[in-house]
Amino acid sequence: MIKGVLTIVFDEPFYKAIFERIDGNSYSVAQVNLGTSLPRMPEIIYLVNRKYSKLNFYRTTIENRADRHINPKRAQRLAHTATQQKQIGTKAQIALKKQFEESKIIKKMSVKENKQLEKERKFLKKQAKKREKHRGH
């Protein structure tokens, strides 16, 4: 059974949509910036229907727990309290932070590698210029 939650949060200065997906024992989360103005319902529906398949979900595993049947009235109360919350679920915050840190490390490594390649290219160019100067007439 796959469960999903969409939370829209105002994270100064942007509105963000946070998608949470629980599939068995895997937990995935994705984030989309919606802009500075309050998103309207047609924009949200378009995002869910058209862009959901293109979202980049970050996947983690969650501990095994038994899913119990929930009384419909309790489910309704839980849904109401979930819509009233003003902050992101802690699981989503942790997963997004972890994804951000990993992408930051990957970006840092690629920048370092590019700098090294550029340094090596400049060195070889300088060596070739030196050899060209000393070739003679």
C-alpha atoms as a PDB file:
ATOM      1  CA  MET A   1       0.000   0.000   0.000  1.00  0.00           C
ATOM      2  CA  ILE A   2       1.353   3.404  -0.977  1.00  0.00           C
ATOM      3  CA  LYS A   3       0.529   6.446   1.140  1.00  0.00           C
ATOM      4  CA  GLY A   4       1.240  10.030   0.183  1.00  0.00           C
ATOM      5  CA  VAL A   5       1.090  13.427   1.825  1.00  0.00           C
ATOM      6  CA  LEU A   6       1.374  16.859   0.226  1.00  0.00           C
ATOM      7  CA  THR A   7       2.247  19.735   2.538  1.00  0.00           C
ATOM      8  CA  ILE A   8       2.471  23.341   1.392  1.00  0.00           C
ATOM      9  CA  VAL A   9       4.664  25.512   3.588  1.00  0.00           C
ATOM     10  CA  PHE A  10       5.675  29.159   3.547  1.00  0.00           C
ATOM     11  CA  ASP A  11       9.445  29.104   4.004  1.00  0.00           C
ATOM     12  CA  GLU A  12      10.434  32.777   3.810  1.00  0.00           C
ATOM     13  CA  PRO A  13      10.292  34.103   1.019  1.00  0.00           C
ATOM     14  CA  PHE A  14       8.948  31.125  -0.988  1.00  0.00           C
ATOM     15  CA  TYR A  15       6.017  28.741  -0.778  1.00  0.00           C
ATOM     16  CA  LYS A  16       7.191  25.131  -1.007  1.00  0.00           C
ATOM     17  CA  ALA A  17       5.328  21.917  -1.756  1.00  0.00           C
ATOM     18  CA  ILE A  18       6.675  18.904   0.118  1.00  0.00           C
ATOM     19  CA  PHE A  19       5.644  15.495  -1.164  1.00  0.00           C
ATOM     20  CA  GLU A  20       6.004  12.544   1.228  1.00  0.00           C
ATOM     21  CA  ARG A  21       5.522   8.981  -0.035  1.00  0.00           C
ATOM     22  CA  ILE A  22       5.475   5.809   2.089  1.00  0.00           C
ATOM     23  CA  ASP A  23       5.669   2.555   0.149  1.00  0.00           C
ATOM     24  CA  GLY A  24       6.047  -0.508   2.359  1.00  0.00           C
ATOM     25  CA  ASN A  25       9.133   0.205   4.443  1.00  0.00           C
ATOM     26  CA  SER A  26      10.594   2.933   2.209  1.00  0.00           C
ATOM     27  CA  TYR A  27       9.997   6.615   2.843  1.00  0.00           C
ATOM     28  CA  SER A  28      10.531   9.134   0.039  1.00  0.00           C
ATOM     29  CA  VAL A  29      10.338  12.894   0.073  1.00  0.00           C
ATOM     30  CA  ALA A  30      10.561  15.595  -2.613  1.00  0.00           C
ATOM     31  CA  GLN A  31      10.360  19.355  -2.533  1.00  0.00           C
ATOM     32  CA  VAL A  32       9.169  21.883  -5.123  1.00  0.00           C
ATOM     33  CA  ASN A  33       9.423  25.677  -4.908  1.00  0.00           C
ATOM     34  CA  LEU A  34       6.079  27.258  -5.835  1.00  0.00           C
ATOM     35  CA  GLY A  35       7.119  30.908  -5.859  1.00  0.00           C
ATOM     36  CA  THR A  36       6.504  33.918  -3.667  1.00  0.00           C
ATOM     37  CA  SER A  37       2.731  34.214  -4.106  1.00  0.00           C
ATOM     38  CA  LEU A  38       0.205  31.968  -2.398  1.00  0.00           C
ATOM     39  CA  PRO A  39      -0.400  28.941  -4.667  1.00  0.00           C
ATOM     40  CA  ARG A  40      -3.962  28.491  -5.902  1.00  0.00           C
ATOM     41  CA  MET A  41      -5.827  25.216  -6.163  1.00  0.00           C
ATOM     42  CA  PRO A  42      -5.523  24.867  -9.996  1.00  0.00           C
ATOM     43  CA  GLU A  43      -1.726  25.258  -9.689  1.00  0.00           C
ATOM     44  CA  ILE A  44      -1.595  22.574  -7.005  1.00  0.00           C
ATOM     45  CA  ILE A  45      -3.786  20.194  -9.014  1.00  0.00           C
ATOM     46  CA  TYR A  46      -1.606  20.771 -12.101  1.00  0.00           C
ATOM     47  CA  LEU A  47       1.493  20.066 -10.017  1.00  0.00           C
ATOM     48  CA  VAL A  48       0.066  16.808  -8.668  1.00  0.00           C
ATOM     49  CA  ASN A  49      -1.428  15.560 -11.934  1.00  0.00           C
ATOM     50  CA  ARG A  50       1.245  16.611 -14.445  1.00  0.00           C
ATOM     51  CA  LYS A  51       4.550  17.099 -12.609  1.00  0.00           C
ATOM     52  CA  TYR A  52       4.397  14.348  -9.967  1.00  0.00           C
ATOM     53  CA  SER A  53       6.086  11.759 -12.191  1.00  0.00           C
ATOM     54  CA  LYS A  54       9.019  14.112 -12.848  1.00  0.00           C
ATOM     55  CA  LEU A  55       9.736  14.850  -9.173  1.00  0.00           C
ATOM     56  CA  ASN A  56      13.122  13.833  -7.795  1.00  0.00           C
ATOM     57  CA  PHE A  57      12.286  11.806  -4.684  1.00  0.00           C
ATOM     58  CA  TYR A  58      14.906  11.177  -2.031  1.00  0.00           C
ATOM     59  CA  ARG A  59      14.455   7.675  -0.595  1.00  0.00           C
ATOM     60  CA  THR A  60      15.166   6.386   2.908  1.00  0.00           C
ATOM     61  CA  THR A  61      13.963   3.361   4.836  1.00  0.00           C
ATOM     62  CA  ILE A  62      11.699   3.454   7.842  1.00  0.00           C
ATOM     63  CA  GLU A  63      11.382   1.062  10.715  1.00  0.00           C
ATOM     64  CA  ASN A  64       8.893  -1.787  10.366  1.00  0.00           C
ATOM     65  CA  ARG A  65       5.580  -1.166  12.036  1.00  0.00           C
ATOM     66  CA  ALA A  66       2.225  -2.844  11.747  1.00  0.00           C
ATOM     67  CA  ASP A  67      -0.493  -0.802  10.002  1.00  0.00           C
ATOM     68  CA  ARG A  68      -3.695  -1.055  11.945  1.00  0.00           C
ATOM     69  CA  HIS A  69      -7.203  -0.265  10.832  1.00  0.00           C
ATOM     70  CA  ILE A  70      -8.086   3.309  11.792  1.00  0.00           C
ATOM     71  CA  ASN A  71     -11.614   4.313  12.652  1.00  0.00           C
ATOM     72  CA  PRO A  72     -12.973   6.669   9.932  1.00  0.00           C
ATOM     73  CA  LYS A  73     -13.824   9.379  12.461  1.00  0.00           C
ATOM     74  CA  ARG A  74     -10.310   9.182  13.920  1.00  0.00           C
ATOM     75  CA  ALA A  75      -8.869   9.350  10.392  1.00  0.00           C
ATOM     76  CA  GLN A  76     -10.963  12.449   9.751  1.00  0.00           C
ATOM     77  CA  ARG A  77      -9.697  14.062  12.972  1.00  0.00           C
ATOM     78  CA  LEU A  78      -6.114  13.175  12.088  1.00  0.00           C
ATOM     79  CA  ALA A  79      -6.549  14.649   8.601  1.00  0.00           C
ATOM     80  CA  HIS A  80      -7.976  17.835  10.116  1.00  0.00           C
ATOM     81  CA  THR A  81      -5.069  18.202  12.545  1.00  0.00           C
ATOM     82  CA  ALA A  82      -2.591  17.494   9.726  1.00  0.00           C
ATOM     83  CA  THR A  83      -4.064  20.310   7.642  1.00  0.00           C
ATOM     84  CA  GLN A  84      -3.862  22.680  10.618  1.00  0.00           C
ATOM     85  CA  GLN A  85      -0.143  22.086  11.215  1.00  0.00           C
ATOM     86  CA  LYS A  86       2.099  24.989  10.276  1.00  0.00           C
ATOM     87  CA  GLN A  87       5.399  23.106  10.081  1.00  0.00           C
ATOM     88  CA  ILE A  88       6.910  20.271   8.093  1.00  0.00           C
ATOM     89  CA  GLY A  89       6.909  16.751   9.523  1.00  0.00           C
ATOM     90  CA  THR A  90      10.228  15.959  11.168  1.00  0.00           C
ATOM     91  CA  LYS A  91      10.814  12.960   8.899  1.00  0.00           C
ATOM     92  CA  ALA A  92      10.485  15.194   5.856  1.00  0.00           C
ATOM     93  CA  GLN A  93      12.805  17.808   7.341  1.00  0.00           C
ATOM     94  CA  ILE A  94      15.446  15.209   8.142  1.00  0.00           C
ATOM     95  CA  ALA A  95      15.220  13.538   4.732  1.00  0.00           C
ATOM     96  CA  LEU A  96      15.372  16.830   2.825  1.00  0.00           C
ATOM     97  CA  LYS A  97      18.294  18.040   4.921  1.00  0.00           C
ATOM     98  CA  LYS A  98      20.131  14.768   4.259  1.00  0.00           C
ATOM     99  CA  GLN A  99      19.451  15.072   0.517  1.00  0.00           C
ATOM    100  CA  PHE A 100      20.713  18.671   0.552  1.00  0.00           C
ATOM    101  CA  GLU A 101      23.897  17.700   2.395  1.00  0.00           C
ATOM    102  CA  GLU A 102      24.593  14.831  -0.030  1.00  0.00           C
ATOM    103  CA  SER A 103      24.045  17.051  -3.067  1.00  0.00           C
ATOM    104  CA  LYS A 104      26.318  19.671  -1.500  1.00  0.00           C
ATOM    105  CA  ILE A 105      29.103  17.096  -1.052  1.00  0.00           C
ATOM    106  CA  ILE A 106      28.704  15.865  -4.643  1.00  0.00           C
ATOM    107  CA  LYS A 107      28.788  19.439  -5.969  1.00  0.00           C
ATOM    108  CA  LYS A 108      31.867  20.245  -3.883  1.00  0.00           C
ATOM    109  CA  MET A 109      33.690  17.187  -5.255  1.00  0.00           C
ATOM    110  CA  SER A 110      32.831  18.069  -8.868  1.00  0.00           C
ATOM    111  CA  VAL A 111      33.980  21.688  -8.395  1.00  0.00           C
ATOM    112  CA  LYS A 112      37.246  20.464  -6.878  1.00  0.00           C
ATOM    113  CA  GLU A 113      37.769  18.049  -9.779  1.00  0.00           C
ATOM    114  CA  ASN A 114      37.051  20.796 -12.337  1.00  0.00           C
ATOM    115  CA  LYS A 115      39.558  23.104 -10.617  1.00  0.00           C
ATOM    116  CA  GLN A 116      42.199  20.371 -10.695  1.00  0.00           C
ATOM    117  CA  LEU A 117      41.596  19.719 -14.407  1.00  0.00           C
ATOM    118  CA  GLU A 118      41.773  23.435 -15.175  1.00  0.00           C
ATOM    119  CA  LYS A 119      45.019  23.752 -13.200  1.00  0.00           C
ATOM    120  CA  GLU A 120      46.521  20.803 -15.078  1.00  0.00           C
ATOM    121  CA  ARG A 121      45.383  22.244 -18.432  1.00  0.00           C
ATOM    122  CA  LYS A 122      47.010  25.614 -17.636  1.00  0.00           C
ATOM    123  CA  PHE A 123      50.216  23.878 -16.558  1.00  0.00           C
ATOM    124  CA  LEU A 124      50.429  21.881 -19.797  1.00  0.00           C
ATOM    125  CA  LYS A 125      49.727  25.015 -21.835  1.00  0.00           C
ATOM    126  CA  LYS A 126      52.500  26.860 -19.992  1.00  0.00           C
ATOM    127  CA  GLN A 127      54.927  23.968 -20.577  1.00  0.00           C
ATOM    128  CA  ALA A 128      54.098  23.919 -24.291  1.00  0.00           C
ATOM    129  CA  LYS A 129      54.701  27.681 -24.494  1.00  0.00           C
ATOM    130  CA  LYS A 130      58.071  27.258 -22.730  1.00  0.00           C
ATOM    131  CA  ARG A 131      59.131  24.545 -25.178  1.00  0.00           C
ATOM    132  CA  GLU A 132      58.036  26.701 -28.101  1.00  0.00           C
ATOM    133  CA  LYS A 133      60.194  29.600 -26.854  1.00  0.00           C
ATOM    134  CA  HIS A 134      63.319  27.432 -26.565  1.00  0.00           C
ATOM    135  CA  ARG A 135      63.089  25.670 -29.913  1.00  0.00           C
ATOM    136  CA  GLY A 136      65.494  27.969 -31.592  1.00  0.00           C
ATOM    137  CA  HIS A 137      65.461  29.661 -34.991  1.00  0.00           C
END
